[in-house]
C-alpha cells in the first residue's frame, strides 16, 4: 500500500527550513536533541489554549532562542510580559543556558494546517459531529484563499465499535510537487470513546525560486540573440523565395516554356 510521506520532511532544503537551527559535535548533539524535545513538549502542554502553530529553536554556545508562532499572542505574553518571563524561567530549568523567547502572531489561522487540525479536534471533544467539523473547516479555509485542502479523521467516529477513517477534500493538493507549498498538521482529540486522530493537508500555491539579477541579464541577452538569429533566418528565406519568383517571372516574360523546349529538343534528335 502507498503511504503518505510527511510534506514538511519531504520539502526541507527545497522550499522549507528546519524547525531547529544549531550546530553541535558528536558529544553534545544528543543532549541538545533531548533538550529540544523537552522544550517542545513542555510548550505544547503549557500553551495548548493559545493556538500554537509551530516552534522554532535556535542555539548559540550560551543562549537558546525560542520563537513561538501563535494565533493568540496575548495569552502567551500575559499582562506586562508576565507570561514570557514565567516561560523563560521554566525553560531555563530544563537547560543550562540563558533563554530568549520571541512571540510571532499568525495573522490567518484558517490558513495554518496545524491550527485547523487543532480546531477540528477541539470540536470533536465538544461532541460536534466529525462531518460538520471538517466541512466547516474546509469552507473557512477556502474562503481565506487556499487553493486546496484535505482533512482526515481516524478512530471510533461517532462512538462506533469499529474504528475507521473518513475524510473530505476540496481543490487541488499536489503532494508530489516539491515546489508546491503544502502545510501539514496533526492533532488528537481525547473523547470518551478513545483518541481520534486528525490530519490536515493545506495547499497554498507554488513557491518559485528567486531569479538573481545576473540570471535575468543573461536570459535577456540570450533572448535578444535568439530574436536576431530568427530575424536573419527569416530574412534569408524571404530573399531566396523572392529570387526564385523573380527568375520565374522573367522566364515567363521572355516566352520561355519548359515543356515546349523539351519537345523541340526531342524532334531535333530524331
C-alpha atoms as a PDB file:
ATOM      1  CA  UNK A   1       0.000   0.000   0.000  1.00  0.00           C
ATOM      2  CA  UNK A   2       1.157   3.524  -0.748  1.00  0.00           C
ATOM      3  CA  UNK A   3       1.798   5.685   2.305  1.00  0.00           C
ATOM      4  CA  UNK A   4       1.803   9.470   2.612  1.00  0.00           C
ATOM      5  CA  UNK A   5       5.186  10.963   3.465  1.00  0.00           C
ATOM      6  CA  UNK A   6       5.282  13.995   5.761  1.00  0.00           C
ATOM      7  CA  UNK A   7       5.143  17.070   3.468  1.00  0.00           C
ATOM      8  CA  UNK A   8       7.453  19.077   5.767  1.00  0.00           C
ATOM      9  CA  UNK A   9      10.215  16.465   5.782  1.00  0.00           C
ATOM     10  CA  UNK A  10       9.958  15.969   2.014  1.00  0.00           C
ATOM     11  CA  UNK A  11      10.448  19.691   1.314  1.00  0.00           C
ATOM     12  CA  UNK A  12      13.164  20.521   3.862  1.00  0.00           C
ATOM     13  CA  UNK A  13      16.070  22.054   1.980  1.00  0.00           C
ATOM     14  CA  UNK A  14      13.908  22.759  -1.083  1.00  0.00           C
ATOM     15  CA  UNK A  15      11.289  25.330  -0.030  1.00  0.00           C
ATOM     16  CA  UNK A  16      11.121  24.758   3.751  1.00  0.00           C
ATOM     17  CA  UNK A  17      13.660  25.204   6.563  1.00  0.00           C
ATOM     18  CA  UNK A  18      14.452  23.147   9.662  1.00  0.00           C
ATOM     19  CA  UNK A  19      12.436  23.819  12.816  1.00  0.00           C
ATOM     20  CA  UNK A  20      15.689  23.677  14.855  1.00  0.00           C
ATOM     21  CA  UNK A  21      18.808  25.531  13.691  1.00  0.00           C
ATOM     22  CA  UNK A  22      22.074  24.794  15.504  1.00  0.00           C
ATOM     23  CA  UNK A  23      25.429  23.038  15.133  1.00  0.00           C
ATOM     24  CA  UNK A  24      26.962  20.568  17.579  1.00  0.00           C
ATOM     25  CA  UNK A  25      29.691  17.934  17.791  1.00  0.00           C
ATOM     26  CA  UNK A  26      29.063  14.252  18.456  1.00  0.00           C
ATOM     27  CA  UNK A  27      29.227  14.637  22.244  1.00  0.00           C
ATOM     28  CA  UNK A  28      26.692  17.442  22.629  1.00  0.00           C
ATOM     29  CA  UNK A  29      24.391  16.537  19.744  1.00  0.00           C
ATOM     30  CA  UNK A  30      22.280  14.032  21.689  1.00  0.00           C
ATOM     31  CA  UNK A  31      21.995  16.383  24.700  1.00  0.00           C
ATOM     32  CA  UNK A  32      20.786  19.253  22.505  1.00  0.00           C
ATOM     33  CA  UNK A  33      18.302  16.978  20.774  1.00  0.00           C
ATOM     34  CA  UNK A  34      16.809  15.825  24.084  1.00  0.00           C
ATOM     35  CA  UNK A  35      16.619  19.431  25.321  1.00  0.00           C
ATOM     36  CA  UNK A  36      14.758  20.484  22.163  1.00  0.00           C
ATOM     37  CA  UNK A  37      12.288  17.634  22.616  1.00  0.00           C
ATOM     38  CA  UNK A  38      11.639  18.572  26.264  1.00  0.00           C
ATOM     39  CA  UNK A  39      11.166  22.250  25.379  1.00  0.00           C
ATOM     40  CA  UNK A  40       8.678  21.431  22.629  1.00  0.00           C
ATOM     41  CA  UNK A  41       6.673  19.011  24.772  1.00  0.00           C
ATOM     42  CA  UNK A  42       6.518  21.475  27.667  1.00  0.00           C
ATOM     43  CA  UNK A  43       5.399  24.411  25.496  1.00  0.00           C
ATOM     44  CA  UNK A  44       2.750  22.326  23.718  1.00  0.00           C
ATOM     45  CA  UNK A  45       1.193  21.341  27.053  1.00  0.00           C
ATOM     46  CA  UNK A  46       1.566  24.766  28.658  1.00  0.00           C
ATOM     47  CA  UNK A  47       0.241  26.746  25.667  1.00  0.00           C
ATOM     48  CA  UNK A  48      -2.428  24.354  24.438  1.00  0.00           C
ATOM     49  CA  UNK A  49      -5.165  27.019  24.636  1.00  0.00           C
ATOM     50  CA  UNK A  50      -3.016  29.665  22.893  1.00  0.00           C
ATOM     51  CA  UNK A  51      -3.217  28.088  19.434  1.00  0.00           C
ATOM     52  CA  UNK A  52       0.496  27.454  18.868  1.00  0.00           C
ATOM     53  CA  UNK A  53       1.219  26.734  15.213  1.00  0.00           C
ATOM     54  CA  UNK A  54       4.928  25.884  15.389  1.00  0.00           C
ATOM     55  CA  UNK A  55       8.064  26.371  17.466  1.00  0.00           C
ATOM     56  CA  UNK A  56      11.467  27.371  16.132  1.00  0.00           C
ATOM     57  CA  UNK A  57      14.595  26.824  18.228  1.00  0.00           C
ATOM     58  CA  UNK A  58      17.967  28.443  17.505  1.00  0.00           C
ATOM     59  CA  UNK A  59      21.116  27.883  19.556  1.00  0.00           C
ATOM     60  CA  UNK A  60      24.441  29.558  20.159  1.00  0.00           C
ATOM     61  CA  UNK A  61      27.107  28.494  22.650  1.00  0.00           C
ATOM     62  CA  UNK A  62      25.497  30.229  25.610  1.00  0.00           C
ATOM     63  CA  UNK A  63      21.968  31.122  24.505  1.00  0.00           C
ATOM     64  CA  UNK A  64      18.799  29.463  23.253  1.00  0.00           C
ATOM     65  CA  UNK A  65      16.312  31.465  21.196  1.00  0.00           C
ATOM     66  CA  UNK A  66      12.758  30.103  21.081  1.00  0.00           C
ATOM     67  CA  UNK A  67      10.269  31.619  18.617  1.00  0.00           C
ATOM     68  CA  UNK A  68       6.601  30.826  19.251  1.00  0.00           C
ATOM     69  CA  UNK A  69       4.164  31.230  16.343  1.00  0.00           C
ATOM     70  CA  UNK A  70       0.683  31.596  17.814  1.00  0.00           C
ATOM     71  CA  UNK A  71      -2.769  32.809  16.817  1.00  0.00           C
ATOM     72  CA  UNK A  72      -3.366  34.291  20.304  1.00  0.00           C
ATOM     73  CA  UNK A  73      -0.209  36.187  21.327  1.00  0.00           C
ATOM     74  CA  UNK A  74      -1.980  37.888  24.230  1.00  0.00           C
ATOM     75  CA  UNK A  75      -2.348  34.584  26.086  1.00  0.00           C
ATOM     76  CA  UNK A  76       1.375  33.821  25.672  1.00  0.00           C
ATOM     77  CA  UNK A  77       2.640  37.298  26.615  1.00  0.00           C
ATOM     78  CA  UNK A  78       0.288  37.908  29.539  1.00  0.00           C
ATOM     79  CA  UNK A  79      -0.105  41.174  31.428  1.00  0.00           C
ATOM     80  CA  UNK A  80       3.031  43.246  31.094  1.00  0.00           C
ATOM     81  CA  UNK A  81       5.016  40.275  29.778  1.00  0.00           C
ATOM     82  CA  UNK A  82       4.466  38.103  32.851  1.00  0.00           C
ATOM     83  CA  UNK A  83       3.716  35.073  30.698  1.00  0.00           C
ATOM     84  CA  UNK A  84       7.009  35.267  28.802  1.00  0.00           C
ATOM     85  CA  UNK A  85       9.045  35.706  31.991  1.00  0.00           C
ATOM     86  CA  UNK A  86       7.395  32.633  33.521  1.00  0.00           C
ATOM     87  CA  UNK A  87       8.119  30.607  30.372  1.00  0.00           C
ATOM     88  CA  UNK A  88      11.777  31.733  30.405  1.00  0.00           C
ATOM     89  CA  UNK A  89      12.301  30.577  33.990  1.00  0.00           C
ATOM     90  CA  UNK A  90      10.676  27.191  33.405  1.00  0.00           C
ATOM     91  CA  UNK A  91      12.604  26.569  30.171  1.00  0.00           C
ATOM     92  CA  UNK A  92      15.908  27.549  31.830  1.00  0.00           C
ATOM     93  CA  UNK A  93      15.289  24.802  34.391  1.00  0.00           C
ATOM     94  CA  UNK A  94      15.273  22.280  31.532  1.00  0.00           C
ATOM     95  CA  UNK A  95      18.571  23.618  30.143  1.00  0.00           C
ATOM     96  CA  UNK A  96      21.779  25.150  31.448  1.00  0.00           C
ATOM     97  CA  UNK A  97      21.730  28.170  29.113  1.00  0.00           C
ATOM     98  CA  UNK A  98      20.012  31.537  29.061  1.00  0.00           C
ATOM     99  CA  UNK A  99      16.745  31.541  27.109  1.00  0.00           C
ATOM    100  CA  UNK A 100      15.257  34.212  24.851  1.00  0.00           C
ATOM    101  CA  UNK A 101      11.563  33.909  23.940  1.00  0.00           C
ATOM    102  CA  UNK A 102      10.019  35.668  20.937  1.00  0.00           C
ATOM    103  CA  UNK A 103       6.341  35.615  20.004  1.00  0.00           C
ATOM    104  CA  UNK A 104       5.149  35.854  16.385  1.00  0.00           C
ATOM    105  CA  UNK A 105       1.471  36.283  15.542  1.00  0.00           C
ATOM    106  CA  UNK A 106      -0.216  34.068  12.947  1.00  0.00           C
ATOM    107  CA  UNK A 107      -2.368  36.574  11.056  1.00  0.00           C
ATOM    108  CA  UNK A 108      -4.551  33.990   9.250  1.00  0.00           C
ATOM    109  CA  UNK A 109      -5.132  30.939  11.469  1.00  0.00           C
ATOM    110  CA  UNK A 110      -7.503  29.406   8.893  1.00  0.00           C
ATOM    111  CA  UNK A 111      -4.528  29.098   6.503  1.00  0.00           C
ATOM    112  CA  UNK A 112      -2.401  27.186   9.027  1.00  0.00           C
ATOM    113  CA  UNK A 113      -2.789  23.406   8.841  1.00  0.00           C
ATOM    114  CA  UNK A 114      -1.793  22.781  12.472  1.00  0.00           C
ATOM    115  CA  UNK A 115      -4.309  25.293  13.809  1.00  0.00           C
ATOM    116  CA  UNK A 116      -7.048  23.911  11.536  1.00  0.00           C
ATOM    117  CA  UNK A 117      -6.352  20.375  12.813  1.00  0.00           C
ATOM    118  CA  UNK A 118      -6.431  21.529  16.448  1.00  0.00           C
ATOM    119  CA  UNK A 119      -9.703  23.361  15.822  1.00  0.00           C
ATOM    120  CA  UNK A 120     -11.303  20.199  14.407  1.00  0.00           C
ATOM    121  CA  UNK A 121     -10.002  18.163  17.362  1.00  0.00           C
ATOM    122  CA  UNK A 122     -11.402  20.732  19.812  1.00  0.00           C
ATOM    123  CA  UNK A 123     -14.832  20.498  18.173  1.00  0.00           C
ATOM    124  CA  UNK A 124     -14.750  16.692  18.335  1.00  0.00           C
ATOM    125  CA  UNK A 125     -14.059  16.905  22.070  1.00  0.00           C
ATOM    126  CA  UNK A 126     -17.172  19.085  22.396  1.00  0.00           C
ATOM    127  CA  UNK A 127     -19.236  16.279  20.784  1.00  0.00           C
ATOM    128  CA  UNK A 128     -19.741  18.061  17.454  1.00  0.00           C
ATOM    129  CA  UNK A 129     -20.106  15.574  14.584  1.00  0.00           C
ATOM    130  CA  UNK A 130     -16.910  14.998  12.623  1.00  0.00           C
ATOM    131  CA  UNK A 131     -18.597  15.716   9.268  1.00  0.00           C
ATOM    132  CA  UNK A 132     -19.806  19.117  10.420  1.00  0.00           C
ATOM    133  CA  UNK A 133     -16.406  19.985  11.919  1.00  0.00           C
ATOM    134  CA  UNK A 134     -14.478  19.030   8.767  1.00  0.00           C
ATOM    135  CA  UNK A 135     -16.855  20.710   6.310  1.00  0.00           C
ATOM    136  CA  UNK A 136     -16.867  23.921   8.345  1.00  0.00           C
ATOM    137  CA  UNK A 137     -13.049  23.991   8.453  1.00  0.00           C
ATOM    138  CA  UNK A 138     -12.840  23.396   4.685  1.00  0.00           C
ATOM    139  CA  UNK A 139     -15.261  26.229   3.918  1.00  0.00           C
ATOM    140  CA  UNK A 140     -13.404  28.729   6.125  1.00  0.00           C
ATOM    141  CA  UNK A 141     -10.034  27.762   4.663  1.00  0.00           C
ATOM    142  CA  UNK A 142     -11.158  28.064   1.044  1.00  0.00           C
ATOM    143  CA  UNK A 143     -12.708  31.482   1.781  1.00  0.00           C
ATOM    144  CA  UNK A 144      -9.310  32.702   3.043  1.00  0.00           C
ATOM    145  CA  UNK A 145      -7.757  31.954  -0.361  1.00  0.00           C
ATOM    146  CA  UNK A 146      -6.330  28.442  -0.092  1.00  0.00           C
ATOM    147  CA  UNK A 147      -6.001  26.508  -3.360  1.00  0.00           C
ATOM    148  CA  UNK A 148      -6.773  23.142  -1.803  1.00  0.00           C
ATOM    149  CA  UNK A 149      -7.366  21.344   1.490  1.00  0.00           C
ATOM    150  CA  UNK A 150      -7.740  17.738   2.570  1.00  0.00           C
ATOM    151  CA  UNK A 151      -8.890  16.572   6.016  1.00  0.00           C
ATOM    152  CA  UNK A 152      -8.952  13.103   7.543  1.00  0.00           C
ATOM    153  CA  UNK A 153     -10.143  11.777  10.910  1.00  0.00           C
ATOM    154  CA  UNK A 154      -9.412   8.281  12.229  1.00  0.00           C
ATOM    155  CA  UNK A 155     -10.763   6.426  15.253  1.00  0.00           C
ATOM    156  CA  UNK A 156     -14.079   5.410  16.779  1.00  0.00           C
ATOM    157  CA  UNK A 157     -16.091   8.012  14.926  1.00  0.00           C
ATOM    158  CA  UNK A 158     -19.480   8.694  16.462  1.00  0.00           C
ATOM    159  CA  UNK A 159     -18.855   6.086  19.163  1.00  0.00           C
ATOM    160  CA  UNK A 160     -18.793   3.188  16.672  1.00  0.00           C
ATOM    161  CA  UNK A 161     -17.470  -0.183  17.850  1.00  0.00           C
ATOM    162  CA  UNK A 162     -15.031  -0.443  14.943  1.00  0.00           C
ATOM    163  CA  UNK A 163     -12.508   2.297  14.163  1.00  0.00           C
ATOM    164  CA  UNK A 164     -12.443   3.740  10.664  1.00  0.00           C
ATOM    165  CA  UNK A 165     -11.103   6.684   8.685  1.00  0.00           C
ATOM    166  CA  UNK A 166     -13.091   9.309   6.825  1.00  0.00           C
ATOM    167  CA  UNK A 167     -12.092  12.497   5.088  1.00  0.00           C
ATOM    168  CA  UNK A 168     -13.118  15.343   2.822  1.00  0.00           C
ATOM    169  CA  UNK A 169     -11.170  17.410   0.321  1.00  0.00           C
ATOM    170  CA  UNK A 170     -11.648  20.422  -1.904  1.00  0.00           C
ATOM    171  CA  UNK A 171      -9.401  21.956  -4.553  1.00  0.00           C
ATOM    172  CA  UNK A 172      -6.044  20.523  -5.628  1.00  0.00           C
ATOM    173  CA  UNK A 173      -3.316  19.078  -3.397  1.00  0.00           C
ATOM    174  CA  UNK A 174      -0.165  18.167  -5.423  1.00  0.00           C
ATOM    175  CA  UNK A 175       1.722  16.155  -2.794  1.00  0.00           C
ATOM    176  CA  UNK A 176       4.497  15.035  -5.185  1.00  0.00           C
ATOM    177  CA  UNK A 177       5.340  18.535  -6.473  1.00  0.00           C
ATOM    178  CA  UNK A 178       8.267  19.804  -4.403  1.00  0.00           C
ATOM    179  CA  UNK A 179       7.751  23.465  -5.318  1.00  0.00           C
ATOM    180  CA  UNK A 180       4.149  23.275  -4.029  1.00  0.00           C
ATOM    181  CA  UNK A 181       3.786  24.962  -0.631  1.00  0.00           C
ATOM    182  CA  UNK A 182       1.843  22.292   1.273  1.00  0.00           C
ATOM    183  CA  UNK A 183       1.284  22.722   5.005  1.00  0.00           C
ATOM    184  CA  UNK A 184       0.591  19.684   7.187  1.00  0.00           C
ATOM    185  CA  UNK A 185      -0.969  19.497  10.635  1.00  0.00           C
ATOM    186  CA  UNK A 186      -1.801  16.698  13.069  1.00  0.00           C
ATOM    187  CA  UNK A 187      -3.822  16.765  16.286  1.00  0.00           C
ATOM    188  CA  UNK A 188      -5.545  14.304  18.613  1.00  0.00           C
ATOM    189  CA  UNK A 189      -8.986  14.609  20.181  1.00  0.00           C
ATOM    190  CA  UNK A 190      -9.474  12.910  23.568  1.00  0.00           C
ATOM    191  CA  UNK A 191     -13.067  11.639  23.605  1.00  0.00           C
ATOM    192  CA  UNK A 192     -14.927   9.257  25.919  1.00  0.00           C
ATOM    193  CA  UNK A 193     -14.541   6.519  23.289  1.00  0.00           C
ATOM    194  CA  UNK A 194     -10.788   6.997  22.919  1.00  0.00           C
ATOM    195  CA  UNK A 195      -8.476   9.155  20.849  1.00  0.00           C
ATOM    196  CA  UNK A 196      -9.368  10.399  17.378  1.00  0.00           C
ATOM    197  CA  UNK A 197      -6.525  11.466  15.093  1.00  0.00           C
ATOM    198  CA  UNK A 198      -6.966  14.498  12.842  1.00  0.00           C
ATOM    199  CA  UNK A 199      -4.784  15.177   9.787  1.00  0.00           C
ATOM    200  CA  UNK A 200      -4.905  18.242   7.550  1.00  0.00           C
ATOM    201  CA  UNK A 201      -3.106  18.934   4.261  1.00  0.00           C
ATOM    202  CA  UNK A 202      -3.331  22.530   3.032  1.00  0.00           C
ATOM    203  CA  UNK A 203      -2.117  23.769  -0.373  1.00  0.00           C
ATOM    204  CA  UNK A 204      -1.272  27.489  -0.542  1.00  0.00           C
ATOM    205  CA  UNK A 205       0.311  27.718  -4.006  1.00  0.00           C
ATOM    206  CA  UNK A 206       3.673  27.228  -5.699  1.00  0.00           C
ATOM    207  CA  UNK A 207       6.927  28.667  -4.392  1.00  0.00           C
ATOM    208  CA  UNK A 208       9.149  29.593  -7.327  1.00  0.00           C
ATOM    209  CA  UNK A 209      12.921  30.127  -6.839  1.00  0.00           C
ATOM    210  CA  UNK A 210      14.112  33.713  -6.870  1.00  0.00           C
ATOM    211  CA  UNK A 211      15.908  34.742 -10.068  1.00  0.00           C
ATOM    212  CA  UNK A 212      19.073  36.767  -9.496  1.00  0.00           C
ATOM    213  CA  UNK A 213      19.909  39.896 -11.491  1.00  0.00           C
ATOM    214  CA  UNK A 214      22.725  38.130 -13.356  1.00  0.00           C
ATOM    215  CA  UNK A 215      20.398  35.346 -14.452  1.00  0.00           C
ATOM    216  CA  UNK A 216      17.880  37.948 -15.606  1.00  0.00           C
ATOM    217  CA  UNK A 217      20.561  39.768 -17.635  1.00  0.00           C
ATOM    218  CA  UNK A 218      21.795  36.535 -19.196  1.00  0.00           C
ATOM    219  CA  UNK A 219      18.243  35.497 -20.020  1.00  0.00           C
ATOM    220  CA  UNK A 220      17.526  38.861 -21.689  1.00  0.00           C
ATOM    221  CA  UNK A 221      20.782  38.675 -23.640  1.00  0.00           C
ATOM    222  CA  UNK A 222      20.057  35.141 -24.841  1.00  0.00           C
ATOM    223  CA  UNK A 223      16.518  36.082 -25.837  1.00  0.00           C
ATOM    224  CA  UNK A 224      17.780  39.106 -27.805  1.00  0.00           C
ATOM    225  CA  UNK A 225      20.400  36.972 -29.579  1.00  0.00           C
ATOM    226  CA  UNK A 226      17.761  34.385 -30.434  1.00  0.00           C
ATOM    227  CA  UNK A 227      15.498  37.093 -31.839  1.00  0.00           C
ATOM    228  CA  UNK A 228      18.342  38.402 -34.035  1.00  0.00           C
ATOM    229  CA  UNK A 229      19.099  34.898 -35.311  1.00  0.00           C
ATOM    230  CA  UNK A 230      15.437  34.270 -36.105  1.00  0.00           C
ATOM    231  CA  UNK A 231      15.179  37.611 -37.906  1.00  0.00           C
ATOM    232  CA  UNK A 232      18.256  36.872 -40.043  1.00  0.00           C
ATOM    233  CA  UNK A 233      16.963  33.397 -40.852  1.00  0.00           C
ATOM    234  CA  UNK A 234      13.558  34.702 -41.926  1.00  0.00           C
ATOM    235  CA  UNK A 235      15.186  37.428 -43.999  1.00  0.00           C
ATOM    236  CA  UNK A 236      17.436  34.887 -45.761  1.00  0.00           C
ATOM    237  CA  UNK A 237      14.472  32.645 -46.543  1.00  0.00           C
ATOM    238  CA  UNK A 238      12.448  35.581 -47.861  1.00  0.00           C
ATOM    239  CA  UNK A 239      15.321  36.638 -50.128  1.00  0.00           C
ATOM    240  CA  UNK A 240      15.634  33.128 -51.545  1.00  0.00           C
ATOM    241  CA  UNK A 241      11.900  32.895 -52.212  1.00  0.00           C
ATOM    242  CA  UNK A 242      11.736  36.328 -53.857  1.00  0.00           C
ATOM    243  CA  UNK A 243      14.756  35.499 -56.067  1.00  0.00           C
ATOM    244  CA  UNK A 244      13.094  32.297 -57.287  1.00  0.00           C
ATOM    245  CA  UNK A 245       9.862  34.167 -58.061  1.00  0.00           C
ATOM    246  CA  UNK A 246      11.760  36.890 -59.971  1.00  0.00           C
ATOM    247  CA  UNK A 247      13.538  34.295 -62.160  1.00  0.00           C
ATOM    248  CA  UNK A 248      10.237  32.589 -62.879  1.00  0.00           C
ATOM    249  CA  UNK A 249       8.553  35.849 -63.822  1.00  0.00           C
ATOM    250  CA  UNK A 250      11.440  36.822 -66.134  1.00  0.00           C
ATOM    251  CA  UNK A 251      11.234  33.481 -67.959  1.00  0.00           C
ATOM    252  CA  UNK A 252       7.502  33.915 -68.466  1.00  0.00           C
ATOM    253  CA  UNK A 253       8.026  37.402 -69.886  1.00  0.00           C
ATOM    254  CA  UNK A 254      10.553  36.118 -72.450  1.00  0.00           C
ATOM    255  CA  UNK A 255       8.116  33.412 -73.590  1.00  0.00           C
ATOM    256  CA  UNK A 256      10.230  30.595 -72.166  1.00  0.00           C
ATOM    257  CA  UNK A 257       8.170  27.429 -71.793  1.00  0.00           C
ATOM    258  CA  UNK A 258       9.999  24.392 -70.408  1.00  0.00           C
ATOM    259  CA  UNK A 259       7.577  21.855 -71.946  1.00  0.00           C
ATOM    260  CA  UNK A 260       7.810  23.299 -75.471  1.00  0.00           C
ATOM    261  CA  UNK A 261      11.591  23.474 -75.229  1.00  0.00           C
ATOM    262  CA  UNK A 262      11.810  19.782 -74.261  1.00  0.00           C
ATOM    263  CA  UNK A 263       9.550  18.767 -77.215  1.00  0.00           C
ATOM    264  CA  UNK A 264      11.693  20.775 -79.649  1.00  0.00           C
ATOM    265  CA  UNK A 265      14.876  19.115 -78.400  1.00  0.00           C
ATOM    266  CA  UNK A 266      13.311  15.662 -78.903  1.00  0.00           C
ATOM    267  CA  UNK A 267      12.359  16.454 -82.531  1.00  0.00           C
ATOM    268  CA  UNK A 268      15.864  17.677 -83.306  1.00  0.00           C
ATOM    269  CA  UNK A 269      17.343  14.452 -82.015  1.00  0.00           C
ATOM    270  CA  UNK A 270      15.037  12.397 -84.260  1.00  0.00           C
END
